[in-house]
N, C-alpha and C. Protein backbone atom coordinates (compact mmCIF):
# COMPACT_ATOMS: atom_id res chain seq x y z
N MET A 1 37.47 100.13 187.29
CA MET A 1 36.86 100.59 186.04
C MET A 1 37.32 101.99 185.68
N ARG A 2 37.46 102.84 186.70
CA ARG A 2 37.90 104.20 186.43
C ARG A 2 39.32 104.21 185.87
N THR A 3 40.19 103.42 186.47
CA THR A 3 41.58 103.36 185.99
C THR A 3 41.65 102.84 184.56
N VAL A 4 40.88 101.79 184.26
CA VAL A 4 40.86 101.23 182.91
C VAL A 4 40.33 102.25 181.91
N THR A 5 39.26 102.95 182.29
CA THR A 5 38.69 103.95 181.39
C THR A 5 39.68 105.06 181.10
N TYR A 6 40.34 105.57 182.13
CA TYR A 6 41.32 106.64 181.94
C TYR A 6 42.50 106.16 181.10
N PHE A 7 42.91 104.92 181.30
CA PHE A 7 44.04 104.40 180.52
C PHE A 7 43.72 104.38 179.04
N PHE A 8 42.54 103.89 178.68
CA PHE A 8 42.20 103.80 177.26
C PHE A 8 41.87 105.17 176.67
N ILE A 9 41.37 106.09 177.47
CA ILE A 9 41.19 107.46 176.98
C ILE A 9 42.55 108.07 176.67
N PHE A 10 43.51 107.88 177.59
CA PHE A 10 44.86 108.38 177.36
C PHE A 10 45.49 107.73 176.12
N LEU A 11 45.28 106.43 175.96
CA LEU A 11 45.82 105.72 174.81
C LEU A 11 45.21 106.23 173.51
N ASN A 12 43.90 106.49 173.53
CA ASN A 12 43.22 106.99 172.35
C ASN A 12 43.70 108.39 171.96
N LEU A 13 43.89 109.24 172.95
CA LEU A 13 44.40 110.59 172.67
C LEU A 13 45.86 110.56 172.22
N SER A 14 46.61 109.60 172.70
CA SER A 14 48.04 109.51 172.35
C SER A 14 48.26 109.04 170.92
N LEU A 15 47.24 108.51 170.27
CA LEU A 15 47.40 108.03 168.90
C LEU A 15 47.81 109.14 167.94
N ALA A 16 47.46 110.39 168.28
CA ALA A 16 47.83 111.51 167.41
C ALA A 16 49.34 111.63 167.24
N VAL A 17 50.10 111.13 168.21
CA VAL A 17 51.56 111.20 168.12
C VAL A 17 52.10 110.19 167.11
N PHE A 18 51.33 109.13 166.86
CA PHE A 18 51.83 108.03 166.03
C PHE A 18 51.12 107.91 164.68
N GLU A 19 50.04 108.65 164.47
CA GLU A 19 49.32 108.60 163.20
C GLU A 19 49.87 109.66 162.25
N GLU A 20 49.80 109.39 160.97
CA GLU A 20 50.29 110.33 159.97
C GLU A 20 49.44 111.60 159.97
N PRO A 21 50.04 112.78 159.88
CA PRO A 21 51.48 113.04 160.04
C PRO A 21 51.87 112.94 161.51
N ALA A 22 52.93 112.20 161.79
CA ALA A 22 53.24 111.82 163.17
C ALA A 22 54.66 112.21 163.55
N VAL A 23 54.85 112.34 164.86
CA VAL A 23 56.20 112.54 165.39
C VAL A 23 56.97 111.23 165.36
N TYR A 24 56.30 110.16 165.77
CA TYR A 24 56.88 108.81 165.73
C TYR A 24 55.92 107.91 164.96
N PRO A 25 56.01 107.91 163.64
CA PRO A 25 55.00 107.19 162.83
C PRO A 25 55.03 105.69 163.04
N LEU A 26 53.82 105.13 163.12
CA LEU A 26 53.63 103.69 163.18
C LEU A 26 52.77 103.26 162.00
N PRO A 27 52.83 101.98 161.60
CA PRO A 27 51.98 101.52 160.50
C PRO A 27 50.50 101.78 160.77
N PHE A 28 49.77 102.05 159.71
CA PHE A 28 48.35 102.35 159.85
C PHE A 28 47.59 101.20 160.50
N LEU A 29 47.99 99.98 160.19
CA LEU A 29 47.30 98.82 160.76
C LEU A 29 47.42 98.80 162.28
N VAL A 30 48.58 99.18 162.80
CA VAL A 30 48.80 99.18 164.25
C VAL A 30 47.93 100.22 164.93
N THR A 31 47.99 101.45 164.42
CA THR A 31 47.21 102.54 165.04
C THR A 31 45.71 102.29 164.92
N SER A 32 45.28 101.74 163.78
CA SER A 32 43.85 101.49 163.61
C SER A 32 43.37 100.39 164.55
N LEU A 33 44.18 99.35 164.76
CA LEU A 33 43.79 98.29 165.69
C LEU A 33 43.71 98.82 167.12
N VAL A 34 44.66 99.66 167.49
CA VAL A 34 44.64 100.24 168.83
C VAL A 34 43.40 101.11 169.00
N GLU A 35 43.05 101.88 167.98
CA GLU A 35 41.86 102.73 168.07
C GLU A 35 40.59 101.90 168.18
N VAL A 36 40.51 100.82 167.41
CA VAL A 36 39.33 99.95 167.48
C VAL A 36 39.20 99.34 168.87
N VAL A 37 40.32 98.91 169.45
CA VAL A 37 40.28 98.35 170.80
C VAL A 37 39.79 99.40 171.80
N CYS A 38 40.28 100.64 171.67
CA CYS A 38 39.84 101.71 172.56
C CYS A 38 38.34 101.96 172.42
N LEU A 39 37.86 101.99 171.18
CA LEU A 39 36.44 102.23 170.96
C LEU A 39 35.59 101.09 171.50
N LEU A 40 36.09 99.86 171.39
CA LEU A 40 35.36 98.71 171.95
C LEU A 40 35.29 98.81 173.48
N VAL A 41 36.37 99.26 174.09
CA VAL A 41 36.38 99.44 175.54
C VAL A 41 35.38 100.52 175.94
N PHE A 42 35.36 101.63 175.18
CA PHE A 42 34.40 102.69 175.48
C PHE A 42 32.96 102.20 175.32
N PHE A 43 32.72 101.42 174.28
CA PHE A 43 31.38 100.89 174.07
C PHE A 43 30.99 99.91 175.19
N GLY A 44 31.95 99.09 175.61
CA GLY A 44 31.70 98.17 176.72
C GLY A 44 31.41 98.91 178.01
N ARG A 45 32.16 99.97 178.25
CA ARG A 45 31.92 100.79 179.46
C ARG A 45 30.54 101.42 179.40
N LEU A 46 30.14 101.89 178.22
CA LEU A 46 28.81 102.49 178.07
C LEU A 46 27.72 101.44 178.24
N THR A 47 27.95 100.24 177.70
CA THR A 47 26.97 99.15 177.86
C THR A 47 26.82 98.75 179.32
N HIS A 48 27.96 98.67 180.02
CA HIS A 48 27.92 98.35 181.45
C HIS A 48 27.13 99.40 182.22
N PHE A 49 27.33 100.66 181.87
CA PHE A 49 26.60 101.74 182.54
C PHE A 49 25.11 101.65 182.25
N ALA A 50 24.75 101.23 181.02
CA ALA A 50 23.34 101.10 180.65
C ALA A 50 22.67 99.96 181.43
N LYS A 51 23.43 98.95 181.78
CA LYS A 51 22.86 97.80 182.49
C LYS A 51 22.47 98.15 183.93
N VAL A 52 23.17 99.12 184.51
CA VAL A 52 22.91 99.46 185.91
C VAL A 52 22.13 100.77 186.04
N THR A 53 21.57 101.24 184.95
CA THR A 53 20.81 102.49 184.95
C THR A 53 19.46 102.25 184.31
N PHE A 54 18.46 102.96 184.80
CA PHE A 54 17.15 102.88 184.17
C PHE A 54 17.24 103.35 182.72
N ARG A 55 16.49 102.65 181.85
CA ARG A 55 16.58 102.96 180.42
C ARG A 55 16.20 104.40 180.13
N SER A 56 15.15 104.90 180.77
CA SER A 56 14.72 106.28 180.52
C SER A 56 15.80 107.27 180.96
N THR A 57 16.44 106.97 182.09
CA THR A 57 17.50 107.85 182.59
C THR A 57 18.71 107.82 181.66
N PHE A 58 19.04 106.62 181.18
CA PHE A 58 20.22 106.48 180.32
C PHE A 58 20.06 107.28 179.03
N TRP A 59 18.90 107.19 178.39
CA TRP A 59 18.72 107.85 177.10
C TRP A 59 18.45 109.34 177.23
N LYS A 60 18.13 109.81 178.43
CA LYS A 60 17.95 111.24 178.63
C LYS A 60 19.27 111.95 178.92
N ASP A 61 20.30 111.17 179.23
CA ASP A 61 21.60 111.75 179.56
C ASP A 61 22.34 112.07 178.26
N THR A 62 22.59 113.35 178.02
CA THR A 62 23.27 113.76 176.77
C THR A 62 24.70 113.25 176.71
N LYS A 63 25.31 112.99 177.86
CA LYS A 63 26.69 112.48 177.86
C LYS A 63 26.76 111.14 177.17
N ASN A 64 25.80 110.28 177.45
CA ASN A 64 25.79 108.96 176.82
C ASN A 64 25.56 109.06 175.32
N ILE A 65 24.69 109.97 174.91
CA ILE A 65 24.44 110.17 173.48
C ILE A 65 25.70 110.67 172.79
N CYS A 66 26.41 111.60 173.44
CA CYS A 66 27.64 112.13 172.84
C CYS A 66 28.68 111.03 172.66
N ILE A 67 28.81 110.14 173.64
CA ILE A 67 29.79 109.05 173.53
C ILE A 67 29.41 108.10 172.40
N MET A 68 28.13 107.76 172.29
CA MET A 68 27.69 106.85 171.23
C MET A 68 27.93 107.46 169.85
N VAL A 69 27.61 108.74 169.70
CA VAL A 69 27.82 109.41 168.41
C VAL A 69 29.31 109.49 168.09
N ALA A 70 30.13 109.78 169.09
CA ALA A 70 31.57 109.86 168.87
C ALA A 70 32.14 108.51 168.44
N ILE A 71 31.68 107.42 169.06
CA ILE A 71 32.14 106.08 168.67
C ILE A 71 31.74 105.78 167.22
N LEU A 72 30.50 106.09 166.88
CA LEU A 72 30.01 105.82 165.52
C LEU A 72 30.78 106.65 164.49
N LEU A 73 31.00 107.92 164.76
CA LEU A 73 31.73 108.77 163.82
C LEU A 73 33.18 108.33 163.68
N SER A 74 33.79 107.93 164.78
CA SER A 74 35.19 107.49 164.73
C SER A 74 35.34 106.22 163.89
N LEU A 75 34.43 105.27 164.09
CA LEU A 75 34.49 104.04 163.30
C LEU A 75 34.22 104.31 161.82
N THR A 76 33.28 105.19 161.54
CA THR A 76 32.99 105.54 160.14
C THR A 76 34.18 106.20 159.48
N ASP A 77 34.78 107.15 160.18
CA ASP A 77 35.95 107.84 159.63
C ASP A 77 37.11 106.87 159.43
N LEU A 78 37.31 105.97 160.38
CA LEU A 78 38.39 104.99 160.27
C LEU A 78 38.18 104.09 159.06
N ALA A 79 36.94 103.64 158.85
CA ALA A 79 36.64 102.77 157.71
C ALA A 79 36.83 103.50 156.39
N VAL A 80 36.34 104.73 156.30
CA VAL A 80 36.47 105.51 155.06
C VAL A 80 37.94 105.80 154.77
N TYR A 81 38.69 106.17 155.81
CA TYR A 81 40.11 106.46 155.62
C TYR A 81 40.87 105.21 155.17
N GLY A 82 40.51 104.05 155.74
CA GLY A 82 41.18 102.82 155.34
C GLY A 82 40.90 102.44 153.90
N VAL A 83 39.64 102.61 153.47
CA VAL A 83 39.30 102.30 152.08
C VAL A 83 40.02 103.24 151.11
N LEU A 84 40.03 104.52 151.43
CA LEU A 84 40.72 105.49 150.57
C LEU A 84 42.22 105.22 150.53
N ARG A 85 42.77 104.76 151.65
CA ARG A 85 44.20 104.44 151.68
C ARG A 85 44.52 103.26 150.78
N ILE A 86 43.61 102.29 150.70
CA ILE A 86 43.83 101.14 149.82
C ILE A 86 43.94 101.59 148.36
N TYR A 87 43.12 102.58 147.99
CA TYR A 87 43.12 103.09 146.61
C TYR A 87 44.08 104.27 146.43
N ASN A 88 44.98 104.48 147.41
CA ASN A 88 46.00 105.53 147.33
C ASN A 88 45.40 106.93 147.13
N VAL A 89 44.29 107.16 147.81
CA VAL A 89 43.65 108.48 147.78
C VAL A 89 44.01 109.21 149.06
N SER A 90 44.56 110.41 148.91
CA SER A 90 44.97 111.18 150.08
C SER A 90 43.76 111.73 150.83
N SER A 91 43.75 111.59 152.14
CA SER A 91 42.65 112.09 152.96
C SER A 91 43.17 112.37 154.37
N ILE A 92 42.30 112.91 155.22
CA ILE A 92 42.68 113.23 156.59
C ILE A 92 41.72 112.55 157.56
N ARG A 93 42.17 112.36 158.78
CA ARG A 93 41.34 111.77 159.83
C ARG A 93 40.63 112.90 160.58
N TRP A 94 39.48 113.32 160.11
CA TRP A 94 38.76 114.43 160.72
C TRP A 94 38.19 114.07 162.09
N SER A 95 38.06 112.76 162.38
CA SER A 95 37.47 112.36 163.66
C SER A 95 38.41 112.56 164.84
N ARG A 96 39.65 112.93 164.60
CA ARG A 96 40.58 113.15 165.71
C ARG A 96 40.09 114.27 166.64
N ILE A 97 39.40 115.25 166.07
CA ILE A 97 38.98 116.39 166.88
C ILE A 97 37.88 116.03 167.87
N ILE A 98 37.23 114.88 167.69
CA ILE A 98 36.16 114.49 168.62
C ILE A 98 36.66 113.53 169.70
N ARG A 99 37.93 113.18 169.69
CA ARG A 99 38.44 112.27 170.72
C ARG A 99 38.35 112.83 172.13
N PRO A 100 38.54 114.14 172.35
CA PRO A 100 38.36 114.65 173.72
C PRO A 100 36.95 114.48 174.26
N VAL A 101 35.97 114.17 173.38
CA VAL A 101 34.61 113.93 173.85
C VAL A 101 34.58 112.80 174.87
N PHE A 102 35.40 111.78 174.65
CA PHE A 102 35.44 110.65 175.59
C PHE A 102 35.99 111.09 176.95
N LEU A 103 36.94 111.99 176.94
CA LEU A 103 37.52 112.46 178.19
C LEU A 103 36.52 113.26 179.01
N ILE A 104 35.64 114.00 178.33
CA ILE A 104 34.72 114.90 179.02
C ILE A 104 33.45 114.20 179.48
N ASN A 105 32.94 113.26 178.69
CA ASN A 105 31.58 112.78 178.89
C ASN A 105 31.43 111.50 179.71
N PHE A 106 32.49 110.80 180.01
CA PHE A 106 32.34 109.63 180.85
C PHE A 106 32.03 110.04 182.29
N ALA A 107 31.32 109.16 183.00
CA ALA A 107 30.87 109.50 184.35
C ALA A 107 32.05 109.77 185.29
N GLU A 108 33.20 109.16 185.02
CA GLU A 108 34.36 109.33 185.89
C GLU A 108 34.98 110.72 185.78
N SER A 109 34.60 111.48 184.75
CA SER A 109 35.25 112.78 184.46
C SER A 109 34.42 113.94 184.99
N ARG A 110 33.86 113.80 186.17
CA ARG A 110 32.98 114.83 186.72
C ARG A 110 33.72 116.15 186.92
N GLN A 111 34.94 116.11 187.44
CA GLN A 111 35.69 117.34 187.68
C GLN A 111 36.10 118.01 186.37
N ILE A 112 36.41 117.22 185.36
CA ILE A 112 36.75 117.79 184.06
C ILE A 112 35.54 118.48 183.46
N ARG A 113 34.36 117.87 183.57
CA ARG A 113 33.15 118.51 183.06
C ARG A 113 32.85 119.79 183.82
N ARG A 114 33.14 119.79 185.10
CA ARG A 114 32.92 121.00 185.90
C ARG A 114 33.80 122.14 185.40
N ALA A 115 35.06 121.84 185.15
CA ALA A 115 35.95 122.87 184.62
C ALA A 115 35.54 123.29 183.22
N PHE A 116 35.11 122.33 182.42
CA PHE A 116 34.68 122.63 181.06
C PHE A 116 33.45 123.53 181.06
N ARG A 117 32.49 123.28 181.94
CA ARG A 117 31.30 124.12 182.03
C ARG A 117 31.66 125.52 182.49
N SER A 118 32.64 125.62 183.40
CA SER A 118 33.07 126.94 183.84
C SER A 118 33.68 127.74 182.69
N ILE A 119 34.49 127.05 181.88
CA ILE A 119 35.07 127.72 180.71
C ILE A 119 33.98 128.14 179.73
N ARG A 120 33.02 127.24 179.50
CA ARG A 120 31.93 127.54 178.57
C ARG A 120 31.09 128.73 179.05
N ASN A 121 30.82 128.80 180.34
CA ASN A 121 30.03 129.90 180.88
C ASN A 121 30.82 131.21 180.93
N THR A 122 32.15 131.09 180.94
CA THR A 122 32.99 132.30 180.98
C THR A 122 33.10 132.95 179.61
N LEU A 123 33.04 132.15 178.55
CA LEU A 123 33.28 132.68 177.20
C LEU A 123 32.38 133.85 176.82
N PRO A 124 31.05 133.78 177.05
CA PRO A 124 30.23 134.94 176.65
C PRO A 124 30.60 136.24 177.36
N GLU A 125 31.08 136.15 178.59
CA GLU A 125 31.38 137.34 179.36
C GLU A 125 32.72 137.97 178.99
N ILE A 126 33.60 137.21 178.35
CA ILE A 126 34.88 137.80 177.91
C ILE A 126 34.82 138.20 176.44
N THR A 127 33.69 137.95 175.79
CA THR A 127 33.56 138.29 174.37
C THR A 127 33.71 139.79 174.14
N TYR A 128 33.14 140.60 175.04
CA TYR A 128 33.18 142.05 174.86
C TYR A 128 34.60 142.58 174.94
N VAL A 129 35.39 142.06 175.87
CA VAL A 129 36.79 142.48 175.98
C VAL A 129 37.57 142.04 174.75
N PHE A 130 37.28 140.82 174.28
CA PHE A 130 37.97 140.32 173.10
C PHE A 130 37.63 141.15 171.86
N LEU A 131 36.36 141.53 171.71
CA LEU A 131 35.96 142.35 170.57
C LEU A 131 36.61 143.73 170.64
N LEU A 132 36.72 144.27 171.83
CA LEU A 132 37.39 145.56 171.99
C LEU A 132 38.87 145.46 171.63
N PHE A 133 39.49 144.36 172.03
CA PHE A 133 40.90 144.13 171.65
C PHE A 133 41.05 143.99 170.14
N MET A 134 40.15 143.24 169.50
CA MET A 134 40.21 143.08 168.06
C MET A 134 39.99 144.41 167.34
N PHE A 135 39.09 145.25 167.87
CA PHE A 135 38.89 146.58 167.28
C PHE A 135 40.17 147.40 167.35
N SER A 136 40.83 147.36 168.50
CA SER A 136 42.10 148.08 168.64
C SER A 136 43.15 147.54 167.66
N LEU A 137 43.22 146.22 167.52
CA LEU A 137 44.18 145.61 166.61
C LEU A 137 43.91 146.02 165.16
N LEU A 138 42.64 146.02 164.77
CA LEU A 138 42.28 146.40 163.39
C LEU A 138 42.57 147.87 163.13
N MET A 139 42.32 148.72 164.12
CA MET A 139 42.59 150.15 163.94
C MET A 139 44.09 150.42 163.84
N PHE A 140 44.88 149.78 164.67
CA PHE A 140 46.33 149.95 164.58
C PHE A 140 46.85 149.42 163.24
N SER A 141 46.26 148.33 162.77
CA SER A 141 46.67 147.78 161.48
C SER A 141 46.35 148.75 160.34
N LEU A 142 45.19 149.38 160.41
CA LEU A 142 44.83 150.38 159.40
C LEU A 142 45.77 151.58 159.45
N MET A 143 46.14 152.01 160.66
CA MET A 143 47.10 153.10 160.80
C MET A 143 48.45 152.70 160.22
N ALA A 144 48.88 151.45 160.46
CA ALA A 144 50.16 150.98 159.93
C ALA A 144 50.14 150.95 158.41
N LEU A 145 49.00 150.56 157.83
CA LEU A 145 48.89 150.54 156.37
C LEU A 145 49.03 151.93 155.80
N LYS A 146 48.42 152.92 156.44
CA LYS A 146 48.51 154.30 155.96
C LYS A 146 49.89 154.89 156.19
N LEU A 147 50.52 154.52 157.30
CA LEU A 147 51.83 155.09 157.61
C LEU A 147 52.95 154.51 156.75
N PHE A 148 52.94 153.19 156.56
CA PHE A 148 54.07 152.52 155.93
C PHE A 148 53.78 151.97 154.53
N GLY A 149 52.51 151.84 154.18
CA GLY A 149 52.16 151.20 152.91
C GLY A 149 52.64 151.95 151.69
N GLU A 150 52.73 153.27 151.79
CA GLU A 150 53.12 154.09 150.63
C GLU A 150 54.58 154.48 150.66
N ARG A 151 55.35 153.94 151.58
CA ARG A 151 56.78 154.29 151.71
C ARG A 151 57.68 153.38 150.88
N ASN A 152 57.09 152.34 150.27
CA ASN A 152 57.87 151.38 149.47
C ASN A 152 59.00 150.75 150.28
N LEU A 153 58.71 150.43 151.52
CA LEU A 153 59.70 149.78 152.37
C LEU A 153 59.73 148.29 152.10
N GLN A 154 60.84 147.66 152.47
CA GLN A 154 61.00 146.22 152.28
C GLN A 154 61.54 145.58 153.55
N THR A 155 61.18 144.32 153.73
CA THR A 155 61.70 143.56 154.87
C THR A 155 63.13 143.12 154.58
N ALA A 156 63.76 142.46 155.56
CA ALA A 156 65.13 141.98 155.38
C ALA A 156 65.21 140.94 154.28
N GLU A 157 64.08 140.26 153.98
CA GLU A 157 64.05 139.26 152.91
C GLU A 157 63.74 139.87 151.55
N GLY A 158 63.56 141.17 151.51
CA GLY A 158 63.27 141.83 150.24
C GLY A 158 61.80 141.84 149.86
N LEU A 159 60.92 141.52 150.78
CA LEU A 159 59.48 141.49 150.51
C LEU A 159 58.87 142.84 150.84
N PRO A 160 57.72 143.17 150.21
CA PRO A 160 57.05 144.43 150.53
C PRO A 160 56.67 144.49 152.01
N TYR A 161 56.85 145.67 152.59
CA TYR A 161 56.64 145.85 154.02
C TYR A 161 55.31 146.56 154.27
N PHE A 162 54.41 145.87 154.96
CA PHE A 162 53.12 146.43 155.37
C PHE A 162 52.33 146.97 154.17
N LYS A 163 52.21 146.13 153.15
CA LYS A 163 51.42 146.49 151.96
C LYS A 163 50.04 145.86 151.99
N ASN A 164 49.93 144.67 152.59
CA ASN A 164 48.68 143.93 152.62
C ASN A 164 48.05 144.04 154.01
N TYR A 165 46.78 144.44 154.03
CA TYR A 165 46.12 144.71 155.32
C TYR A 165 46.03 143.46 156.19
N LEU A 166 45.66 142.32 155.61
CA LEU A 166 45.53 141.10 156.40
C LEU A 166 46.87 140.64 156.95
N GLU A 167 47.92 140.81 156.17
CA GLU A 167 49.25 140.45 156.66
C GLU A 167 49.68 141.38 157.80
N ILE A 168 49.28 142.64 157.72
CA ILE A 168 49.58 143.58 158.80
C ILE A 168 48.87 143.16 160.07
N VAL A 169 47.60 142.78 159.94
CA VAL A 169 46.83 142.33 161.11
C VAL A 169 47.52 141.14 161.76
N PHE A 170 47.98 140.20 160.94
CA PHE A 170 48.64 139.02 161.50
C PHE A 170 49.96 139.41 162.18
N ASP A 171 50.76 140.25 161.54
CA ASP A 171 52.05 140.65 162.11
C ASP A 171 51.86 141.38 163.44
N LEU A 172 50.88 142.26 163.50
CA LEU A 172 50.64 142.99 164.75
C LEU A 172 50.03 142.09 165.81
N TYR A 173 49.25 141.11 165.38
CA TYR A 173 48.72 140.13 166.34
C TYR A 173 49.86 139.34 166.98
N VAL A 174 50.84 138.97 166.17
CA VAL A 174 52.02 138.28 166.71
C VAL A 174 52.81 139.22 167.61
N LEU A 175 52.84 140.51 167.26
CA LEU A 175 53.57 141.47 168.07
C LEU A 175 52.98 141.60 169.47
N VAL A 176 51.70 141.32 169.62
CA VAL A 176 51.08 141.35 170.95
C VAL A 176 51.79 140.38 171.89
N THR A 177 52.26 139.26 171.35
CA THR A 177 53.01 138.29 172.14
C THR A 177 54.49 138.62 172.22
N THR A 178 54.91 139.67 171.49
CA THR A 178 56.31 140.12 171.35
C THR A 178 57.20 139.07 170.72
N ALA A 179 56.61 138.07 170.04
CA ALA A 179 57.40 137.00 169.42
C ALA A 179 58.22 137.52 168.24
N ASN A 180 57.72 138.54 167.54
CA ASN A 180 58.45 139.08 166.39
C ASN A 180 59.01 140.46 166.67
N SER A 181 59.20 140.77 167.93
CA SER A 181 59.77 142.07 168.30
C SER A 181 61.27 141.92 168.55
N PRO A 182 62.10 142.85 168.04
CA PRO A 182 61.77 144.07 167.29
C PRO A 182 61.82 143.91 165.77
N ASP A 183 61.89 142.67 165.27
CA ASP A 183 62.10 142.47 163.83
C ASP A 183 61.01 143.14 163.00
N VAL A 184 59.76 143.10 163.50
CA VAL A 184 58.66 143.60 162.69
C VAL A 184 58.73 145.11 162.48
N MET A 185 59.41 145.84 163.35
CA MET A 185 59.45 147.29 163.20
C MET A 185 60.76 147.81 162.61
N MET A 186 61.72 146.93 162.37
CA MET A 186 63.04 147.39 161.93
C MET A 186 63.02 148.10 160.57
N PRO A 187 62.27 147.62 159.56
CA PRO A 187 62.24 148.38 158.29
C PRO A 187 61.74 149.81 158.47
N ALA A 188 60.71 150.00 159.30
CA ALA A 188 60.20 151.35 159.56
C ALA A 188 61.19 152.13 160.40
N PHE A 189 61.82 151.49 161.37
CA PHE A 189 62.80 152.18 162.22
C PHE A 189 64.02 152.62 161.42
N ASP A 190 64.45 151.78 160.47
CA ASP A 190 65.58 152.17 159.62
C ASP A 190 65.24 153.36 158.73
N PHE A 191 63.98 153.47 158.34
CA PHE A 191 63.55 154.60 157.51
C PHE A 191 63.49 155.89 158.34
N SER A 192 62.94 155.79 159.55
CA SER A 192 62.89 156.92 160.47
C SER A 192 62.71 156.39 161.89
N SER A 193 63.57 156.81 162.78
CA SER A 193 63.50 156.33 164.16
C SER A 193 62.22 156.77 164.87
N TRP A 194 61.57 157.81 164.35
CA TRP A 194 60.32 158.28 164.96
C TRP A 194 59.19 157.26 164.82
N TYR A 195 59.29 156.40 163.82
CA TYR A 195 58.23 155.41 163.62
C TYR A 195 58.20 154.37 164.75
N ALA A 196 59.27 154.31 165.54
CA ALA A 196 59.28 153.40 166.68
C ALA A 196 58.19 153.76 167.69
N LEU A 197 57.77 155.03 167.71
CA LEU A 197 56.72 155.46 168.63
C LEU A 197 55.40 154.73 168.35
N PHE A 198 55.14 154.46 167.08
CA PHE A 198 53.91 153.73 166.73
C PHE A 198 53.91 152.34 167.35
N PHE A 199 55.02 151.64 167.24
CA PHE A 199 55.08 150.27 167.78
C PHE A 199 55.12 150.28 169.30
N ILE A 200 55.76 151.29 169.89
CA ILE A 200 55.77 151.41 171.35
C ILE A 200 54.35 151.63 171.86
N ALA A 201 53.60 152.51 171.19
CA ALA A 201 52.21 152.77 171.58
C ALA A 201 51.37 151.51 171.42
N PHE A 202 51.61 150.76 170.34
CA PHE A 202 50.85 149.53 170.11
C PHE A 202 51.09 148.52 171.22
N VAL A 203 52.35 148.33 171.59
CA VAL A 203 52.68 147.36 172.64
C VAL A 203 52.10 147.78 173.98
N ILE A 204 52.16 149.07 174.29
CA ILE A 204 51.62 149.55 175.57
C ILE A 204 50.12 149.31 175.64
N VAL A 205 49.40 149.67 174.57
CA VAL A 205 47.94 149.56 174.57
C VAL A 205 47.50 148.11 174.54
N ASN A 206 48.05 147.31 173.64
CA ASN A 206 47.52 145.97 173.40
C ASN A 206 48.18 144.89 174.26
N THR A 207 49.47 144.98 174.47
CA THR A 207 50.16 143.95 175.25
C THR A 207 50.00 144.19 176.75
N TYR A 208 50.27 145.40 177.19
CA TYR A 208 50.28 145.67 178.63
C TYR A 208 48.91 146.02 179.19
N ILE A 209 48.07 146.70 178.42
CA ILE A 209 46.76 147.09 178.94
C ILE A 209 45.70 146.04 178.62
N PHE A 210 45.52 145.73 177.33
CA PHE A 210 44.45 144.82 176.94
C PHE A 210 44.70 143.40 177.42
N MET A 211 45.93 142.91 177.34
CA MET A 211 46.19 141.56 177.78
C MET A 211 46.02 141.41 179.29
N SER A 212 46.40 142.43 180.04
CA SER A 212 46.19 142.39 181.49
C SER A 212 44.71 142.43 181.81
N LEU A 213 43.96 143.28 181.10
CA LEU A 213 42.52 143.36 181.30
C LEU A 213 41.84 142.05 180.92
N PHE A 214 42.27 141.49 179.80
CA PHE A 214 41.70 140.23 179.33
C PHE A 214 41.94 139.11 180.34
N LEU A 215 43.15 139.02 180.85
CA LEU A 215 43.49 137.99 181.84
C LEU A 215 42.68 138.17 183.11
N ALA A 216 42.50 139.42 183.55
CA ALA A 216 41.74 139.68 184.77
C ALA A 216 40.28 139.28 184.60
N VAL A 217 39.69 139.59 183.46
CA VAL A 217 38.29 139.24 183.21
C VAL A 217 38.13 137.72 183.15
N VAL A 218 39.04 137.04 182.46
CA VAL A 218 38.96 135.58 182.37
C VAL A 218 39.09 134.94 183.75
N TYR A 219 40.05 135.39 184.53
CA TYR A 219 40.28 134.79 185.85
C TYR A 219 39.10 135.01 186.78
N ASN A 220 38.60 136.24 186.85
CA ASN A 220 37.51 136.55 187.77
C ASN A 220 36.23 135.81 187.41
N ASN A 221 35.90 135.76 186.12
CA ASN A 221 34.67 135.08 185.71
C ASN A 221 34.79 133.57 185.86
N TYR A 222 35.97 133.01 185.55
CA TYR A 222 36.15 131.57 185.72
C TYR A 222 36.04 131.20 187.19
N LYS A 223 36.64 131.98 188.06
CA LYS A 223 36.58 131.69 189.49
C LYS A 223 35.14 131.79 190.00
N LYS A 224 34.41 132.79 189.50
CA LYS A 224 33.01 132.95 189.91
C LYS A 224 32.17 131.75 189.51
N HIS A 225 32.31 131.29 188.25
CA HIS A 225 31.52 130.15 187.79
C HIS A 225 31.97 128.85 188.44
N LEU A 226 33.24 128.75 188.78
CA LEU A 226 33.73 127.53 189.45
C LEU A 226 33.13 127.41 190.84
N LYS A 227 32.95 128.53 191.53
CA LYS A 227 32.34 128.50 192.86
C LYS A 227 30.86 128.13 192.77
N VAL A 228 30.19 128.62 191.72
CA VAL A 228 28.77 128.31 191.53
C VAL A 228 28.58 126.82 191.29
N MET A 229 29.51 126.20 190.48
CA MET A 229 29.42 124.79 190.17
C MET A 229 29.58 123.95 191.44
């Protein structure tokens, strides 16, 4: 039963590769039939579990309620999407985001739930570090707006450079990963090489200090909660 359950959970999650927009698109009828079969298997597994469990115990278990609600929502979304498709109305399959519910809530997934609970319990304790990092990012973005916004600089594509505050926040957020380095600082560097100090300071503070601190807090708290579980 465990192997069968895992197989159909994997099959259900794999449908995202074949449903529109897809990497390897298959006809809607094929993917919908596969999804219905998976949902029927999940319902059968839940029914089997209800037969060997006291009724009061079964209905008090939130995992069973989550699975039933996920099955109902998935079938409703599938039916609505199919009807809209018949009338050539564009829509999206919003129920895809609830498919991991089956992976987490079945009785066979005890270790996955344990890891999930550890992550959930860790999140409140890393919030303070994350807020501090966001404050640093917003302050550096404001400094960048004041430093470069009035210089009438342009990017290599001819677009205004660091004129919009939200775009600056996004560019510097990407710079934390160094994915856009050194491209993001080249217009300022071409104007004056001294402006490179701003980006060097940003990378030191946010990439090397905050990211290391963030990783340490996440690791220590996750390990602590995993031992408690």
